[in-house]
Amino acid sequence: MKKGYYLKTCDTCKRILKEINTDGFELQEIKSTPVNEQQLAEMYALSNSYEGLFNKRSRLYKSLGLKDKNLTESDYKKYILEEYTFLKRPVFIVENEIFIGNSKKVVEELKVKLNS
């Protein structure tokens, strides 16, 4: 399985999508088609952390004062399902591996996986 979750208005997502070969990927634009509970469960099964899937750079995260709260895994799950901006992006699933976010390390690991 090859799946990618991205935001079309995100320049970083656009750049990463250009850098990798997306042939064979099922790509989902998360603003027009938000992540559902089953998809989030698949991501969680590979990452073992809703917090790891959570975007703490979101403007909404700061404006809601969430950084000052002690959030639980179920809180992170709830927020991701309620608002697309809370999913750290992009997220790529390749076979049984998940690549979350846009750090250079994650993008390089994704490229290595796709070229192996």
N, C-alpha and C. Protein backbone atom coordinates (compact mmCIF):
# COMPACT_ATOMS: atom_id res chain seq x y z
N MET A 1 0.84 -1.18 0.00
CA MET A 1 0.00 0.00 0.00
C MET A 1 0.89 1.24 0.00
N LYS A 2 0.51 2.20 -0.84
CA LYS A 2 1.18 3.50 -0.87
C LYS A 2 0.11 4.57 -0.79
N LYS A 3 0.19 5.35 0.29
CA LYS A 3 -0.83 6.37 0.50
C LYS A 3 -0.14 7.64 0.98
N GLY A 4 -0.65 8.78 0.54
CA GLY A 4 -0.10 10.05 0.97
C GLY A 4 -1.21 11.02 1.34
N TYR A 5 -1.01 11.70 2.45
CA TYR A 5 -1.94 12.73 2.92
C TYR A 5 -1.21 14.06 2.88
N TYR A 6 -1.81 15.05 2.23
CA TYR A 6 -1.14 16.33 2.06
C TYR A 6 -2.17 17.45 2.01
N LEU A 7 -1.66 18.68 2.03
CA LEU A 7 -2.51 19.87 1.92
C LEU A 7 -2.07 20.62 0.67
N LYS A 8 -3.00 20.85 -0.26
CA LYS A 8 -2.63 21.45 -1.54
C LYS A 8 -2.18 22.89 -1.43
N THR A 9 -2.56 23.57 -0.35
CA THR A 9 -2.14 24.96 -0.17
C THR A 9 -0.81 25.09 0.57
N CYS A 10 -0.23 23.97 0.95
CA CYS A 10 1.02 23.97 1.71
C CYS A 10 2.21 23.87 0.74
N ASP A 11 3.03 24.91 0.70
CA ASP A 11 4.18 24.93 -0.20
C ASP A 11 5.15 23.80 0.09
N THR A 12 5.33 23.48 1.35
CA THR A 12 6.24 22.40 1.72
C THR A 12 5.72 21.06 1.19
N CYS A 13 4.43 20.82 1.33
CA CYS A 13 3.84 19.59 0.79
C CYS A 13 4.03 19.51 -0.72
N LYS A 14 3.80 20.63 -1.40
CA LYS A 14 3.97 20.67 -2.87
C LYS A 14 5.41 20.35 -3.25
N ARG A 15 6.36 20.93 -2.52
CA ARG A 15 7.78 20.69 -2.82
C ARG A 15 8.13 19.21 -2.63
N ILE A 16 7.68 18.62 -1.54
CA ILE A 16 7.99 17.22 -1.27
C ILE A 16 7.34 16.32 -2.31
N LEU A 17 6.12 16.62 -2.70
CA LEU A 17 5.45 15.81 -3.73
C LEU A 17 6.21 15.87 -5.06
N LYS A 18 6.85 17.01 -5.35
CA LYS A 18 7.66 17.11 -6.57
C LYS A 18 8.96 16.33 -6.45
N GLU A 19 9.48 16.22 -5.22
CA GLU A 19 10.77 15.56 -5.00
C GLU A 19 10.69 14.04 -5.05
N ILE A 20 9.52 13.49 -4.77
CA ILE A 20 9.41 12.03 -4.71
C ILE A 20 8.58 11.52 -5.89
N ASN A 21 8.74 10.24 -6.17
CA ASN A 21 7.96 9.60 -7.22
C ASN A 21 6.65 9.13 -6.61
N THR A 22 5.55 9.75 -7.01
CA THR A 22 4.25 9.40 -6.43
C THR A 22 3.48 8.38 -7.27
N ASP A 23 4.14 7.78 -8.25
CA ASP A 23 3.48 6.74 -9.05
C ASP A 23 3.02 5.62 -8.12
N GLY A 24 1.79 5.20 -8.28
CA GLY A 24 1.25 4.12 -7.46
C GLY A 24 0.73 4.57 -6.11
N PHE A 25 0.84 5.86 -5.81
CA PHE A 25 0.33 6.37 -4.54
C PHE A 25 -1.14 6.75 -4.67
N GLU A 26 -1.89 6.50 -3.63
CA GLU A 26 -3.23 7.06 -3.50
C GLU A 26 -3.03 8.33 -2.68
N LEU A 27 -3.22 9.49 -3.30
CA LEU A 27 -3.00 10.76 -2.62
C LEU A 27 -4.34 11.34 -2.17
N GLN A 28 -4.36 11.84 -0.95
CA GLN A 28 -5.58 12.43 -0.40
C GLN A 28 -5.28 13.84 0.09
N GLU A 29 -6.01 14.79 -0.47
CA GLU A 29 -5.88 16.19 -0.07
C GLU A 29 -6.77 16.37 1.16
N ILE A 30 -6.17 16.69 2.31
CA ILE A 30 -6.89 16.59 3.59
C ILE A 30 -7.87 17.72 3.88
N LYS A 31 -7.78 18.81 3.13
CA LYS A 31 -8.77 19.88 3.35
C LYS A 31 -10.08 19.52 2.65
N SER A 32 -10.01 19.05 1.42
CA SER A 32 -11.22 18.70 0.69
C SER A 32 -11.76 17.33 1.10
N THR A 33 -10.88 16.43 1.53
CA THR A 33 -11.28 15.10 1.99
C THR A 33 -10.58 14.82 3.32
N PRO A 34 -11.17 15.27 4.41
CA PRO A 34 -10.51 15.08 5.71
C PRO A 34 -10.27 13.61 6.05
N VAL A 35 -9.28 13.40 6.87
CA VAL A 35 -8.94 12.06 7.35
C VAL A 35 -10.10 11.55 8.19
N ASN A 36 -10.48 10.29 7.96
CA ASN A 36 -11.56 9.71 8.77
C ASN A 36 -10.96 8.85 9.89
N GLU A 37 -11.82 8.35 10.75
CA GLU A 37 -11.36 7.61 11.92
C GLU A 37 -10.58 6.35 11.54
N GLN A 38 -11.02 5.65 10.50
CA GLN A 38 -10.32 4.43 10.06
C GLN A 38 -8.93 4.76 9.54
N GLN A 39 -8.81 5.82 8.75
CA GLN A 39 -7.50 6.22 8.23
C GLN A 39 -6.57 6.64 9.36
N LEU A 40 -7.10 7.37 10.32
CA LEU A 40 -6.29 7.78 11.47
C LEU A 40 -5.86 6.56 12.28
N ALA A 41 -6.73 5.58 12.40
CA ALA A 41 -6.39 4.33 13.10
C ALA A 41 -5.25 3.60 12.39
N GLU A 42 -5.27 3.61 11.05
CA GLU A 42 -4.18 2.99 10.28
C GLU A 42 -2.85 3.70 10.56
N MET A 43 -2.90 5.04 10.59
CA MET A 43 -1.69 5.81 10.88
C MET A 43 -1.20 5.53 12.30
N TYR A 44 -2.15 5.46 13.22
CA TYR A 44 -1.79 5.20 14.62
C TYR A 44 -1.16 3.82 14.77
N ALA A 45 -1.69 2.83 14.05
CA ALA A 45 -1.16 1.47 14.14
C ALA A 45 0.32 1.43 13.73
N LEU A 46 0.72 2.30 12.82
CA LEU A 46 2.11 2.33 12.36
C LEU A 46 2.98 3.25 13.21
N SER A 47 2.40 4.29 13.78
CA SER A 47 3.20 5.26 14.53
C SER A 47 3.12 5.08 16.05
N ASN A 48 2.06 4.43 16.52
CA ASN A 48 1.81 4.23 17.96
C ASN A 48 1.72 5.54 18.74
N SER A 49 1.34 6.63 18.06
CA SER A 49 1.25 7.90 18.76
C SER A 49 0.38 8.89 18.00
N TYR A 50 -0.71 9.32 18.64
CA TYR A 50 -1.50 10.40 18.06
C TYR A 50 -0.73 11.71 18.18
N GLU A 51 0.03 11.85 19.26
CA GLU A 51 0.82 13.06 19.43
C GLU A 51 1.84 13.21 18.31
N GLY A 52 2.42 12.09 17.87
CA GLY A 52 3.38 12.12 16.77
C GLY A 52 2.76 12.53 15.45
N LEU A 53 1.46 12.34 15.32
CA LEU A 53 0.72 12.71 14.12
C LEU A 53 0.16 14.14 14.21
N PHE A 54 0.34 14.76 15.35
CA PHE A 54 -0.29 16.04 15.64
C PHE A 54 0.63 17.20 15.26
N ASN A 55 0.07 18.20 14.59
CA ASN A 55 0.82 19.37 14.15
C ASN A 55 0.78 20.45 15.23
N LYS A 56 1.87 20.57 15.95
CA LYS A 56 1.94 21.57 17.02
C LYS A 56 2.36 22.94 16.49
N ARG A 57 2.57 23.06 15.20
CA ARG A 57 2.89 24.35 14.59
C ARG A 57 1.65 25.06 14.06
N SER A 58 0.52 24.40 14.14
CA SER A 58 -0.73 24.97 13.64
C SER A 58 -1.08 26.26 14.37
N ARG A 59 -1.54 27.22 13.62
CA ARG A 59 -1.99 28.48 14.24
C ARG A 59 -3.12 28.22 15.23
N LEU A 60 -3.99 27.30 14.87
CA LEU A 60 -5.12 26.97 15.73
C LEU A 60 -4.65 26.37 17.07
N TYR A 61 -3.58 25.62 17.04
CA TYR A 61 -3.01 25.03 18.26
C TYR A 61 -2.66 26.14 19.25
N LYS A 62 -2.04 27.18 18.72
CA LYS A 62 -1.65 28.30 19.59
C LYS A 62 -2.87 29.14 19.99
N SER A 63 -3.75 29.42 19.02
CA SER A 63 -4.89 30.30 19.32
C SER A 63 -5.88 29.67 20.30
N LEU A 64 -5.97 28.34 20.31
CA LEU A 64 -6.86 27.67 21.26
C LEU A 64 -6.18 27.46 22.62
N GLY A 65 -4.90 27.82 22.71
CA GLY A 65 -4.18 27.66 23.96
C GLY A 65 -3.85 26.22 24.30
N LEU A 66 -3.82 25.36 23.28
CA LEU A 66 -3.58 23.93 23.53
C LEU A 66 -2.17 23.65 24.04
N LYS A 67 -1.22 24.53 23.68
CA LYS A 67 0.15 24.30 24.12
C LYS A 67 0.29 24.44 25.63
N ASP A 68 -0.68 25.09 26.25
CA ASP A 68 -0.65 25.27 27.71
C ASP A 68 -1.46 24.20 28.44
N LYS A 69 -2.03 23.27 27.69
CA LYS A 69 -2.84 22.21 28.30
C LYS A 69 -2.06 20.89 28.26
N ASN A 70 -2.41 20.02 29.18
CA ASN A 70 -1.79 18.71 29.22
C ASN A 70 -2.68 17.74 28.43
N LEU A 71 -2.41 17.62 27.13
CA LEU A 71 -3.26 16.83 26.24
C LEU A 71 -2.93 15.34 26.34
N THR A 72 -3.95 14.52 26.25
CA THR A 72 -3.78 13.06 26.25
C THR A 72 -3.80 12.56 24.80
N GLU A 73 -3.48 11.30 24.62
CA GLU A 73 -3.54 10.69 23.28
C GLU A 73 -4.96 10.82 22.71
N SER A 74 -5.98 10.62 23.53
CA SER A 74 -7.35 10.73 23.03
C SER A 74 -7.70 12.17 22.65
N ASP A 75 -7.09 13.14 23.35
CA ASP A 75 -7.29 14.55 22.96
C ASP A 75 -6.69 14.80 21.58
N TYR A 76 -5.46 14.31 21.37
CA TYR A 76 -4.81 14.51 20.07
C TYR A 76 -5.64 13.88 18.97
N LYS A 77 -6.14 12.68 19.20
CA LYS A 77 -6.97 11.98 18.21
C LYS A 77 -8.21 12.81 17.89
N LYS A 78 -8.89 13.29 18.92
CA LYS A 78 -10.12 14.07 18.74
C LYS A 78 -9.85 15.33 17.91
N TYR A 79 -8.78 16.04 18.25
CA TYR A 79 -8.47 17.28 17.52
C TYR A 79 -8.11 17.01 16.06
N ILE A 80 -7.36 15.94 15.80
CA ILE A 80 -7.00 15.61 14.41
C ILE A 80 -8.25 15.31 13.60
N LEU A 81 -9.18 14.57 14.19
CA LEU A 81 -10.42 14.23 13.48
C LEU A 81 -11.33 15.45 13.29
N GLU A 82 -11.26 16.40 14.20
CA GLU A 82 -12.12 17.58 14.10
C GLU A 82 -11.61 18.63 13.13
N GLU A 83 -10.30 18.73 12.98
CA GLU A 83 -9.73 19.84 12.20
C GLU A 83 -8.52 19.36 11.41
N TYR A 84 -8.58 19.45 10.08
CA TYR A 84 -7.51 18.95 9.22
C TYR A 84 -6.15 19.58 9.51
N THR A 85 -6.11 20.82 9.98
CA THR A 85 -4.82 21.48 10.22
C THR A 85 -4.04 20.84 11.36
N PHE A 86 -4.68 20.01 12.15
CA PHE A 86 -3.98 19.37 13.26
C PHE A 86 -3.22 18.11 12.85
N LEU A 87 -3.40 17.64 11.62
CA LEU A 87 -2.60 16.50 11.15
C LEU A 87 -1.26 17.03 10.66
N LYS A 88 -0.19 16.52 11.24
CA LYS A 88 1.15 16.89 10.78
C LYS A 88 1.27 16.40 9.35
N ARG A 89 1.83 17.21 8.48
CA ARG A 89 1.85 16.81 7.08
C ARG A 89 3.17 17.13 6.41
N PRO A 90 3.40 16.44 5.32
CA PRO A 90 2.60 15.36 4.77
C PRO A 90 2.80 14.06 5.55
N VAL A 91 1.90 13.13 5.34
CA VAL A 91 2.03 11.77 5.90
C VAL A 91 2.04 10.82 4.72
N PHE A 92 3.06 9.96 4.68
CA PHE A 92 3.14 8.93 3.64
C PHE A 92 3.19 7.57 4.30
N ILE A 93 2.43 6.65 3.77
CA ILE A 93 2.48 5.25 4.20
C ILE A 93 2.97 4.45 3.01
N VAL A 94 4.07 3.74 3.23
CA VAL A 94 4.65 2.89 2.19
C VAL A 94 4.80 1.50 2.80
N GLU A 95 4.00 0.56 2.29
CA GLU A 95 3.94 -0.78 2.83
C GLU A 95 3.61 -0.70 4.32
N ASN A 96 4.52 -1.11 5.20
CA ASN A 96 4.23 -1.09 6.64
C ASN A 96 4.99 0.01 7.37
N GLU A 97 5.41 1.04 6.65
CA GLU A 97 6.15 2.13 7.27
C GLU A 97 5.41 3.44 7.08
N ILE A 98 5.53 4.31 8.08
CA ILE A 98 4.88 5.61 8.02
C ILE A 98 5.95 6.70 8.12
N PHE A 99 5.76 7.75 7.33
CA PHE A 99 6.67 8.89 7.29
C PHE A 99 5.83 10.13 7.57
N ILE A 100 6.09 10.76 8.71
CA ILE A 100 5.24 11.85 9.20
C ILE A 100 6.02 13.15 9.21
N GLY A 101 5.48 14.16 8.54
CA GLY A 101 6.06 15.49 8.60
C GLY A 101 7.03 15.78 7.48
N ASN A 102 7.69 16.94 7.61
CA ASN A 102 8.50 17.44 6.51
C ASN A 102 9.96 17.68 6.88
N SER A 103 10.41 17.08 7.98
CA SER A 103 11.82 17.26 8.34
C SER A 103 12.70 16.63 7.27
N LYS A 104 13.90 17.16 7.11
CA LYS A 104 14.82 16.62 6.10
C LYS A 104 15.06 15.13 6.32
N LYS A 105 15.20 14.74 7.58
CA LYS A 105 15.46 13.33 7.91
C LYS A 105 14.31 12.44 7.42
N VAL A 106 13.08 12.84 7.71
CA VAL A 106 11.91 12.05 7.31
C VAL A 106 11.80 11.96 5.79
N VAL A 107 12.01 13.08 5.11
CA VAL A 107 11.92 13.09 3.65
C VAL A 107 13.01 12.21 3.04
N GLU A 108 14.21 12.27 3.58
CA GLU A 108 15.31 11.43 3.07
C GLU A 108 15.00 9.96 3.30
N GLU A 109 14.47 9.61 4.48
CA GLU A 109 14.10 8.21 4.76
C GLU A 109 13.03 7.74 3.79
N LEU A 110 12.07 8.60 3.47
CA LEU A 110 11.03 8.27 2.50
C LEU A 110 11.64 8.01 1.13
N LYS A 111 12.55 8.87 0.70
CA LYS A 111 13.19 8.70 -0.60
C LYS A 111 13.97 7.40 -0.66
N VAL A 112 14.67 7.07 0.41
CA VAL A 112 15.43 5.81 0.46
C VAL A 112 14.47 4.63 0.33
N LYS A 113 13.37 4.69 1.06
CA LYS A 113 12.37 3.60 1.03
C LYS A 113 11.80 3.45 -0.38
N LEU A 114 11.49 4.55 -1.04
CA LEU A 114 10.90 4.49 -2.37
C LEU A 114 11.90 4.02 -3.43
N ASN A 115 13.17 4.20 -3.16
CA ASN A 115 14.20 3.80 -4.14
C ASN A 115 14.78 2.43 -3.85
N SER A 116 14.29 1.77 -2.79
CA SER A 116 14.86 0.45 -2.46
C SER A 116 14.14 -0.66 -3.20
